[in-house]
C-alpha atoms as a PDB file:
ATOM      1  CA  MET A   1      52.435   1.785 -30.210  1.00  0.00           C
ATOM      2  CA  ILE A   2      51.937  -0.682 -27.316  1.00  0.00           C
ATOM      3  CA  GLN A   3      53.141   0.833 -24.667  1.00  0.00           C
ATOM      4  CA  PHE A   4      53.441  -0.888 -20.836  1.00  0.00           C
ATOM      5  CA  ASN A   5      55.571  -0.162 -17.685  1.00  0.00           C
ATOM      6  CA  LEU A   6      55.040  -2.556 -15.108  1.00  0.00           C
ATOM      7  CA  CYS A   7      55.550   0.015 -12.135  1.00  0.00           C
ATOM      8  CA  ARG A   8      53.343   2.456 -13.949  1.00  0.00           C
ATOM      9  CA  PHE A   9      50.922  -0.346 -14.415  1.00  0.00           C
ATOM     10  CA  GLY A  10      51.500  -1.352 -10.279  1.00  0.00           C
ATOM     11  CA  LYS A  11      50.373   1.937  -9.607  1.00  0.00           C
ATOM     12  CA  LEU A  12      47.321   2.445 -11.543  1.00  0.00           C
ATOM     13  CA  VAL A  13      45.697  -1.680 -10.711  1.00  0.00           C
ATOM     14  CA  LYS A  14      46.443   0.630  -7.268  1.00  0.00           C
ATOM     15  CA  TRP A  15      43.790   3.014  -8.071  1.00  0.00           C
ATOM     16  CA  MET A  16      41.550   0.288  -9.930  1.00  0.00           C
ATOM     17  CA  LEU A  17      41.314  -1.021  -6.586  1.00  0.00           C
ATOM     18  CA  GLN A  18      40.364   2.455  -5.082  1.00  0.00           C
ATOM     19  CA  GLY A  19      37.798   3.119  -6.855  1.00  0.00           C
ATOM     20  CA  ASP A  20      36.240   0.159  -7.557  1.00  0.00           C
ATOM     21  CA  LYS A  21      36.409  -0.993  -3.766  1.00  0.00           C
ATOM     22  CA  ARG A  22      32.750  -0.225  -3.696  1.00  0.00           C
ATOM     23  CA  TYR A  23      31.762  -2.645  -6.840  1.00  0.00           C
ATOM     24  CA  LEU A  24      33.990  -5.294  -5.817  1.00  0.00           C
ATOM     25  CA  ILE A  25      32.581  -5.925  -2.144  1.00  0.00           C
ATOM     26  CA  LYS A  26      28.909  -5.049  -3.231  1.00  0.00           C
ATOM     27  CA  SER A  27      29.620  -8.079  -6.289  1.00  0.00           C
ATOM     28  CA  PHE A  28      30.927 -10.891  -3.918  1.00  0.00           C
ATOM     29  CA  LEU A  29      27.698 -10.263  -1.230  1.00  0.00           C
ATOM     30  CA  GLN A  30      25.378 -10.190  -4.245  1.00  0.00           C
ATOM     31  CA  VAL A  31      27.372 -13.286  -4.852  1.00  0.00           C
ATOM     32  CA  LEU A  32      27.347 -14.798  -1.079  1.00  0.00           C
ATOM     33  CA  VAL A  33      23.343 -14.206  -0.941  1.00  0.00           C
ATOM     34  CA  VAL A  34      22.299 -15.233  -4.403  1.00  0.00           C
ATOM     35  CA  MET A  35      23.994 -18.890  -3.539  1.00  0.00           C
ATOM     36  CA  LEU A  36      23.092 -19.018   0.049  1.00  0.00           C
ATOM     37  CA  LEU A  37      19.666 -18.495  -1.263  1.00  0.00           C
ATOM     38  CA  ILE A  38      19.713 -21.028  -3.662  1.00  0.00           C
ATOM     39  CA  PHE A  39      21.303 -23.264  -1.149  1.00  0.00           C
ATOM     40  CA  ILE A  40      18.395 -23.288   1.385  1.00  0.00           C
ATOM     41  CA  PHE A  41      16.389 -23.208  -1.401  1.00  0.00           C
ATOM     42  CA  PHE A  42      16.892 -26.358  -2.901  1.00  0.00           C
ATOM     43  CA  THR A  43      18.132 -27.964   0.664  1.00  0.00           C
ATOM     44  CA  ILE A  44      15.875 -27.199   2.753  1.00  0.00           C
ATOM     45  CA  LEU A  45      12.302 -25.484   1.072  1.00  0.00           C
ATOM     46  CA  ILE A  46      12.093 -27.867  -0.797  1.00  0.00           C
ATOM     47  CA  ASN A  47      13.840 -30.614   1.323  1.00  0.00           C
ATOM     48  CA  THR A  48      12.326 -30.146   4.630  1.00  0.00           C
ATOM     49  CA  THR A  49      13.832 -33.338   5.680  1.00  0.00           C
ATOM     50  CA  GLY A  50      17.303 -32.039   5.133  1.00  0.00           C
ATOM     51  CA  ASP A  51      18.451 -35.599   3.622  1.00  0.00           C
ATOM     52  CA  ASP A  52      17.737 -35.716   0.019  1.00  0.00           C
ATOM     53  CA  PRO A  53      20.362 -35.882  -1.986  1.00  0.00           C
ATOM     54  CA  HIS A  54      19.516 -34.672  -5.171  1.00  0.00           C
ATOM     55  CA  GLY A  55      18.618 -31.605  -3.835  1.00  0.00           C
ATOM     56  CA  TYR A  56      22.573 -30.977  -3.749  1.00  0.00           C
ATOM     57  CA  LYS A  57      22.969 -31.831  -6.927  1.00  0.00           C
ATOM     58  CA  SER A  58      20.284 -29.018  -8.263  1.00  0.00           C
ATOM     59  CA  CYS A  59      22.916 -26.853  -6.070  1.00  0.00           C
ATOM     60  CA  GLY A  60      25.625 -27.625  -7.479  1.00  0.00           C
ATOM     61  CA  ILE A  61      24.576 -27.524 -10.718  1.00  0.00           C
ATOM     62  CA  ALA A  62      23.531 -23.730 -10.373  1.00  0.00           C
ATOM     63  CA  ALA A  63      26.685 -22.735  -9.028  1.00  0.00           C
ATOM     64  CA  PHE A  64      28.621 -25.071 -11.696  1.00  0.00           C
ATOM     65  CA  ALA A  65      26.251 -22.967 -14.388  1.00  0.00           C
ATOM     66  CA  MET A  66      26.887 -19.923 -12.363  1.00  0.00           C
ATOM     67  CA  VAL A  67      30.539 -19.848 -12.976  1.00  0.00           C
ATOM     68  CA  VAL A  68      30.854 -20.796 -16.295  1.00  0.00           C
ATOM     69  CA  VAL A  69      28.027 -18.055 -17.553  1.00  0.00           C
ATOM     70  CA  ASN A  70      30.429 -15.858 -15.501  1.00  0.00           C
ATOM     71  CA  LEU A  71      33.968 -16.732 -17.249  1.00  0.00           C
ATOM     72  CA  VAL A  72      31.915 -16.693 -20.405  1.00  0.00           C
ATOM     73  CA  LEU A  73      30.260 -13.093 -20.379  1.00  0.00           C
ATOM     74  CA  GLY A  74      33.242 -11.919 -17.880  1.00  0.00           C
ATOM     75  CA  PRO A  75      34.436  -9.319 -20.214  1.00  0.00           C
ATOM     76  CA  ALA A  76      31.647  -7.887 -20.363  1.00  0.00           C
ATOM     77  CA  LEU A  77      31.192  -6.804 -17.015  1.00  0.00           C
ATOM     78  CA  MET A  78      34.638  -4.921 -17.148  1.00  0.00           C
ATOM     79  CA  PHE A  79      33.203  -1.002 -17.460  1.00  0.00           C
ATOM     80  CA  TYR A  80      30.267  -2.356 -15.063  1.00  0.00           C
ATOM     81  CA  SER A  81      32.030  -0.573 -11.823  1.00  0.00           C
ATOM     82  CA  MET A  82      31.863   2.982 -14.403  1.00  0.00           C
ATOM     83  CA  GLU A  83      28.678   5.076 -13.450  1.00  0.00           C
ATOM     84  CA  GLY A  84      28.579   7.119 -16.441  1.00  0.00           C
ATOM     85  CA  LYS A  85      31.030   9.110 -18.524  1.00  0.00           C
ATOM     86  CA  HIS A  86      32.971  11.143 -15.978  1.00  0.00           C
ATOM     87  CA  ASP A  87      34.672   7.738 -14.623  1.00  0.00           C
ATOM     88  CA  MET A  88      35.121   6.925 -18.438  1.00  0.00           C
ATOM     89  CA  GLN A  89      36.774  10.436 -18.660  1.00  0.00           C
ATOM     90  CA  ALA A  90      38.642  10.032 -15.549  1.00  0.00           C
ATOM     91  CA  LEU A  91      40.314   6.796 -16.131  1.00  0.00           C
ATOM     92  CA  MET A  92      41.616   8.088 -19.638  1.00  0.00           C
ATOM     93  CA  LEU A  93      43.062  10.820 -18.242  1.00  0.00           C
ATOM     94  CA  LEU A  94      45.309   9.189 -16.132  1.00  0.00           C
ATOM     95  CA  PRO A  95      49.031   9.346 -16.611  1.00  0.00           C
ATOM     96  CA  ALA A  96      49.207   5.382 -18.218  1.00  0.00           C
ATOM     97  CA  SER A  97      48.775   4.431 -21.812  1.00  0.00           C
ATOM     98  CA  ASN A  98      45.853   2.901 -23.612  1.00  0.00           C
ATOM     99  CA  PHE A  99      47.412  -0.135 -23.223  1.00  0.00           C
ATOM    100  CA  GLU A 100      47.480  -0.535 -19.812  1.00  0.00           C
ATOM    101  CA  LYS A 101      44.287   1.323 -18.843  1.00  0.00           C
ATOM    102  CA  TYR A 102      42.792  -1.339 -21.145  1.00  0.00           C
ATOM    103  CA  LEU A 103      44.392  -4.347 -19.406  1.00  0.00           C
ATOM    104  CA  VAL A 104      43.813  -2.782 -15.665  1.00  0.00           C
ATOM    105  CA  ARG A 105      40.143  -2.995 -16.994  1.00  0.00           C
ATOM    106  CA  HIS A 106      40.015  -6.667 -17.907  1.00  0.00           C
ATOM    107  CA  LEU A 107      41.845  -7.537 -14.746  1.00  0.00           C
ATOM    108  CA  ASN A 108      38.815  -5.405 -13.041  1.00  0.00           C
ATOM    109  CA  TRP A 109      36.168  -8.482 -14.753  1.00  0.00           C
ATOM    110  CA  ILE A 110      38.979 -10.998 -13.376  1.00  0.00           C
ATOM    111  CA  LEU A 111      39.084 -10.052  -9.913  1.00  0.00           C
ATOM    112  CA  THR A 112      34.989 -10.026 -10.252  1.00  0.00           C
ATOM    113  CA  LEU A 113      35.770 -13.806 -11.707  1.00  0.00           C
ATOM    114  CA  ILE A 114      37.526 -14.396  -8.397  1.00  0.00           C
ATOM    115  CA  LEU A 115      34.864 -12.673  -5.919  1.00  0.00           C
ATOM    116  CA  ALA A 116      31.852 -14.900  -7.404  1.00  0.00           C
ATOM    117  CA  THR A 117      34.423 -17.860  -6.940  1.00  0.00           C
ATOM    118  CA  LEU A 118      34.964 -17.433  -3.288  1.00  0.00           C
ATOM    119  CA  ALA A 119      31.473 -15.990  -2.404  1.00  0.00           C
ATOM    120  CA  PHE A 120      30.582 -20.104  -3.399  1.00  0.00           C
ATOM    121  CA  PHE A 121      32.506 -20.999  -1.044  1.00  0.00           C
ATOM    122  CA  ALA A 122      31.666 -18.844   1.704  1.00  0.00           C
ATOM    123  CA  ALA A 123      27.800 -19.840   1.004  1.00  0.00           C
ATOM    124  CA  ASP A 124      28.587 -23.481   0.803  1.00  0.00           C
ATOM    125  CA  VAL A 125      30.461 -23.114   4.622  1.00  0.00           C
ATOM    126  CA  LEU A 126      26.654 -21.228   5.903  1.00  0.00           C
ATOM    127  CA  GLN A 127      24.536 -23.872   4.122  1.00  0.00           C
ATOM    128  CA  TYR A 128      26.259 -26.525   5.958  1.00  0.00           C
ATOM    129  CA  LEU A 129      26.574 -24.815   9.393  1.00  0.00           C
ATOM    130  CA  ILE A 130      22.224 -23.720   8.701  1.00  0.00           C
ATOM    131  CA  HIS A 131      22.125 -27.464   8.594  1.00  0.00           C
ATOM    132  CA  LEU A 132      24.364 -28.734  11.196  1.00  0.00           C
ATOM    133  CA  VAL A 133      22.233 -25.901  13.460  1.00  0.00           C
ATOM    134  CA  LEU A 134      19.169 -27.829  12.413  1.00  0.00           C
ATOM    135  CA  GLY A 135      20.332 -30.663  13.046  1.00  0.00           C
ATOM    136  CA  HIS A 136      20.025 -32.705   9.234  1.00  0.00           C
ATOM    137  CA  ASP A 137      21.678 -35.924  10.209  1.00  0.00           C
ATOM    138  CA  TYR A 138      22.517 -35.908   5.312  1.00  0.00           C
ATOM    139  CA  VAL A 139      24.513 -32.345   4.872  1.00  0.00           C
ATOM    140  CA  ARG A 140      27.244 -31.978   2.896  1.00  0.00           C
ATOM    141  CA  PHE A 141      29.553 -29.317   0.649  1.00  0.00           C
ATOM    142  CA  VAL A 142      28.006 -28.578  -2.193  1.00  0.00           C
ATOM    143  CA  GLY A 143      31.467 -28.351  -3.601  1.00  0.00           C
ATOM    144  CA  SER A 144      32.476 -31.755  -2.678  1.00  0.00           C
ATOM    145  CA  VAL A 145      28.786 -32.505  -4.554  1.00  0.00           C
ATOM    146  CA  ILE A 146      30.185 -31.019  -7.525  1.00  0.00           C
ATOM    147  CA  VAL A 147      33.210 -32.973  -7.273  1.00  0.00           C
ATOM    148  CA  ASN A 148      32.137 -36.597  -5.729  1.00  0.00           C
ATOM    149  CA  ASP A 149      29.142 -36.568  -7.495  1.00  0.00           C
ATOM    150  CA  MET A 150      29.168 -34.608 -10.930  1.00  0.00           C
ATOM    151  CA  ILE A 151      33.061 -34.583 -12.408  1.00  0.00           C
ATOM    152  CA  GLY A 152      33.712 -37.709 -10.897  1.00  0.00           C
ATOM    153  CA  PRO A 153      30.870 -40.332 -12.054  1.00  0.00           C
ATOM    154  CA  ILE A 154      31.754 -38.816 -15.957  1.00  0.00           C
ATOM    155  CA  ALA A 155      35.723 -39.600 -15.428  1.00  0.00           C
ATOM    156  CA  SER A 156      34.580 -43.038 -14.703  1.00  0.00           C
ATOM    157  CA  SER A 157      31.877 -43.630 -16.920  1.00  0.00           C
ATOM    158  CA  ARG A 158      33.159 -45.625 -20.265  1.00  0.00           C
ATOM    159  CA  TYR A 159      32.564 -42.271 -21.868  1.00  0.00           C
ATOM    160  CA  ALA A 160      35.722 -40.562 -19.614  1.00  0.00           C
ATOM    161  CA  SER A 161      37.854 -41.184 -22.468  1.00  0.00           C
ATOM    162  CA  GLU A 162      35.886 -40.104 -24.888  1.00  0.00           C
ATOM    163  CA  ALA A 163      34.955 -36.881 -23.250  1.00  0.00           C
ATOM    164  CA  PHE A 164      38.015 -35.696 -21.582  1.00  0.00           C
ATOM    165  CA  ARG A 165      40.246 -36.338 -24.554  1.00  0.00           C
ATOM    166  CA  PRO A 166      42.836 -34.045 -24.762  1.00  0.00           C
ATOM    167  CA  ARG A 167      40.966 -32.273 -28.589  1.00  0.00           C
ATOM    168  CA  PHE A 168      37.866 -32.026 -26.213  1.00  0.00           C
ATOM    169  CA  ILE A 169      39.229 -29.644 -23.472  1.00  0.00           C
ATOM    170  CA  ALA A 170      41.489 -27.494 -26.154  1.00  0.00           C
ATOM    171  CA  SER A 171      38.395 -26.841 -28.245  1.00  0.00           C
ATOM    172  CA  MET A 172      36.213 -25.967 -25.400  1.00  0.00           C
ATOM    173  CA  THR A 173      39.245 -23.927 -24.042  1.00  0.00           C
ATOM    174  CA  VAL A 174      39.674 -22.049 -27.157  1.00  0.00           C
ATOM    175  CA  LEU A 175      35.653 -21.583 -27.546  1.00  0.00           C
ATOM    176  CA  VAL A 176      35.819 -19.912 -24.602  1.00  0.00           C
ATOM    177  CA  ILE A 177      38.088 -17.418 -25.687  1.00  0.00           C
ATOM    178  CA  TRP A 178      36.372 -16.923 -28.660  1.00  0.00           C
ATOM    179  CA  PHE A 179      33.457 -16.263 -27.342  1.00  0.00           C
ATOM    180  CA  GLN A 180      34.966 -13.849 -24.683  1.00  0.00           C
ATOM    181  CA  SER A 181      36.400 -11.910 -27.598  1.00  0.00           C
ATOM    182  CA  LEU A 182      33.320 -11.211 -28.785  1.00  0.00           C
ATOM    183  CA  TYR A 183      32.062  -9.516 -25.324  1.00  0.00           C
ATOM    184  CA  ALA A 184      34.977  -7.616 -24.977  1.00  0.00           C
ATOM    185  CA  ILE A 185      34.242  -6.065 -28.528  1.00  0.00           C
ATOM    186  CA  GLY A 186      30.722  -5.954 -27.372  1.00  0.00           C
ATOM    187  CA  ALA A 187      31.842  -4.178 -23.976  1.00  0.00           C
ATOM    188  CA  THR A 188      34.091  -1.586 -25.967  1.00  0.00           C
ATOM    189  CA  LEU A 189      32.561  -1.257 -28.963  1.00  0.00           C
ATOM    190  CA  ILE A 190      28.567  -0.480 -27.432  1.00  0.00           C
ATOM    191  CA  ARG A 191      28.682   2.679 -24.703  1.00  0.00           C
ATOM    192  CA  THR A 192      26.014   1.006 -23.281  1.00  0.00           C
ATOM    193  CA  ARG A 193      27.331  -0.617 -20.369  1.00  0.00           C
ATOM    194  CA  LYS A 194      24.623  -1.961 -18.620  1.00  0.00           C
ATOM    195  CA  PHE A 195      23.105  -3.702 -21.058  1.00  0.00           C
ATOM    196  CA  SER A 196      26.294  -4.152 -23.668  1.00  0.00           C
ATOM    197  CA  TRP A 197      26.120  -7.835 -23.097  1.00  0.00           C
ATOM    198  CA  VAL A 198      22.683  -8.015 -24.424  1.00  0.00           C
ATOM    199  CA  PHE A 199      23.276  -6.870 -27.691  1.00  0.00           C
ATOM    200  CA  THR A 200      26.874  -9.105 -27.857  1.00  0.00           C
ATOM    201  CA  THR A 201      24.455 -12.106 -27.184  1.00  0.00           C
ATOM    202  CA  VAL A 202      22.001 -11.760 -29.921  1.00  0.00           C
ATOM    203  CA  PHE A 203      24.919 -11.261 -32.004  1.00  0.00           C
ATOM    204  CA  ILE A 204      26.863 -14.370 -31.013  1.00  0.00           C
ATOM    205  CA  ILE A 205      23.153 -16.045 -31.334  1.00  0.00           C
ATOM    206  CA  LEU A 206      23.046 -15.086 -35.216  1.00  0.00           C
ATOM    207  CA  LEU A 207      27.003 -15.568 -35.720  1.00  0.00           C
ATOM    208  CA  GLY A 208      26.704 -18.936 -33.908  1.00  0.00           C
ATOM    209  CA  PHE A 209      24.035 -19.744 -36.512  1.00  0.00           C
ATOM    210  CA  LEU A 210      26.411 -18.363 -39.651  1.00  0.00           C
ATOM    211  CA  VAL A 211      29.062 -20.400 -38.558  1.00  0.00           C
ATOM    212  CA  TYR A 212      26.586 -23.382 -37.946  1.00  0.00           C
ATOM    213  CA  LYS A 213      25.874 -23.328 -42.045  1.00  0.00           C
ATOM    214  CA  ILE A 214      29.693 -22.377 -43.108  1.00  0.00           C
ATOM    215  CA  GLN A 215      30.912 -25.601 -41.196  1.00  0.00           C
ATOM    216  CA  GLY A 216      28.905 -27.618 -43.214  1.00  0.00           C
ATOM    217  CA  TYR A 217      31.164 -26.646 -46.263  1.00  0.00           C
ATOM    218  CA  VAL A 218      33.796 -26.226 -43.719  1.00  0.00           C
ATOM    219  CA  GLU A 219      35.048 -29.237 -42.208  1.00  0.00           C
ATOM    220  CA  ALA A 220      38.033 -27.814 -40.872  1.00  0.00           C
ATOM    221  CA  ILE A 221      37.182 -25.130 -38.608  1.00  0.00           C
ATOM    222  CA  GLN A 222      34.132 -28.192 -36.537  1.00  0.00           C
ATOM    223  CA  LEU A 223      36.598 -29.039 -34.828  1.00  0.00           C
ATOM    224  CA  ASN A 224      35.652 -32.495 -34.885  1.00  0.00           C
ATOM    225  CA  ASP A 225      37.721 -35.110 -32.909  1.00  0.00           C
ATOM    226  CA  HIS A 226      37.386 -37.191 -35.598  1.00  0.00           C
ATOM    227  CA  SER A 227      38.785 -35.121 -38.570  1.00  0.00           C
ATOM    228  CA  SER A 228      42.654 -35.108 -39.411  1.00  0.00           C
ATOM    229  CA  ALA A 229      45.307 -33.949 -37.002  1.00  0.00           C
ATOM    230  CA  GLY A 230      45.880 -31.485 -40.071  1.00  0.00           C
ATOM    231  CA  ASP A 231      42.771 -30.534 -40.173  1.00  0.00           C
ATOM    232  CA  TYR A 232      41.687 -30.302 -36.478  1.00  0.00           C
ATOM    233  CA  ALA A 233      45.133 -27.762 -35.847  1.00  0.00           C
ATOM    234  CA  ILE A 234      43.304 -25.218 -38.622  1.00  0.00           C
ATOM    235  CA  GLY A 235      40.566 -24.909 -36.704  1.00  0.00           C
ATOM    236  CA  PHE A 236      42.335 -24.652 -33.520  1.00  0.00           C
ATOM    237  CA  GLY A 237      44.053 -22.135 -34.819  1.00  0.00           C
ATOM    238  CA  PHE A 238      41.136 -20.374 -36.980  1.00  0.00           C
ATOM    239  CA  TYR A 239      38.879 -19.980 -33.711  1.00  0.00           C
ATOM    240  CA  LEU A 240      42.536 -19.003 -32.034  1.00  0.00           C
ATOM    241  CA  VAL A 241      43.158 -16.595 -34.675  1.00  0.00           C
ATOM    242  CA  TRP A 242      39.685 -14.330 -35.248  1.00  0.00           C
ATOM    243  CA  ALA A 243      40.003 -14.354 -31.206  1.00  0.00           C
ATOM    244  CA  MET A 244      43.361 -12.491 -31.326  1.00  0.00           C
ATOM    245  CA  ILE A 245      41.659 -10.332 -34.369  1.00  0.00           C
ATOM    246  CA  ASN A 246      38.370  -9.832 -32.139  1.00  0.00           C
ATOM    247  CA  TYR A 247      40.980  -8.585 -28.832  1.00  0.00           C
ATOM    248  CA  CYS A 248      42.694  -6.284 -31.172  1.00  0.00           C
ATOM    249  CA  LEU A 249      39.691  -4.709 -32.387  1.00  0.00           C
ATOM    250  CA  SER A 250      38.370  -4.339 -28.817  1.00  0.00           C
ATOM    251  CA  TYR A 251      41.898  -2.875 -27.675  1.00  0.00           C
ATOM    252  CA  ARG A 252      41.267  -0.396 -31.275  1.00  0.00           C
ATOM    253  CA  PHE A 253      37.462   0.841 -29.802  1.00  0.00           C
ATOM    254  CA  PHE A 254      38.813   1.005 -26.471  1.00  0.00           C
ATOM    255  CA  CYS A 255      41.333   3.855 -27.754  1.00  0.00           C
ATOM    256  CA  ARG A 256      38.435   5.941 -29.782  1.00  0.00           C
ATOM    257  CA  THR A 257      36.800   6.089 -26.334  1.00  0.00           C
ATOM    258  CA  GLN A 258      38.121   9.143 -25.751  1.00  0.00           C
ATOM    259  CA  VAL A 259      36.946  11.462 -28.645  1.00  0.00           C
ATOM    260  CA  ILE A 260      33.594   9.294 -29.789  1.00  0.00           C
ATOM    261  CA  SER A 261      30.381  10.410 -27.930  1.00  0.00           C
ATOM    262  CA  LYS A 262      27.925   8.231 -29.793  1.00  0.00           C
ATOM    263  CA  PHE A 263      25.779   4.542 -29.137  1.00  0.00           C
ATOM    264  CA  VAL A 264      29.188   3.257 -30.500  1.00  0.00           C
ATOM    265  CA  ASN A 265      32.635   3.887 -30.020  1.00  0.00           C
ATOM    266  CA  PHE A 266      32.686   2.949 -34.110  1.00  0.00           C
END
């Protein structure tokens, strides 16, 4: 039976923040340094004059790719802040339900994603200031490049009606949720915390080939923009229900962590 108490969950979140404070700060600084080095590499080291807009576009592509990867792989990182089995045992012994403990681990990777986004903006401001100090005439924020030079032209092009139709956005959303649910299973099923995302990625690639083959015979699960409303609803519901089942399995594997001492929680 799933039990949830808001007051108890709040105390659990406070405990998580206190225990993972060092990890969260380290994650923020790591992303900040990596982003800043990427920005400097493309806008200063490669472009010595600092007036080439292509350098900023490369920075925008790198930053956007990092955000997307972190968003999709996020659940695989829910246990990265826990060092060894003793931290896991301490978590399982806390006076809270397993459901609350499972939710707080998801909250951990969500906070990490938020901090990574903040680190991007901080690195963007720093690169802007560095260019001003160096006296470069062409100075821009990478964030503005992403919005104005990358997303803007696509939104105003003749392909905008096709690329940004509601079905496209809905399809991308449900696929991200589906990918996240698979990484959530990998994080709770595989005991090797640091490399669970590797095994999960390999599994997703193999699963992707299987789904691709099945789609050739079952049109309803293709999420095709040109399919009928009924077929699209069936495909959308198929991936959404599959994702919910994955999260349920992930939670069940998490509940078995305290009694199973093998490579996988199975």
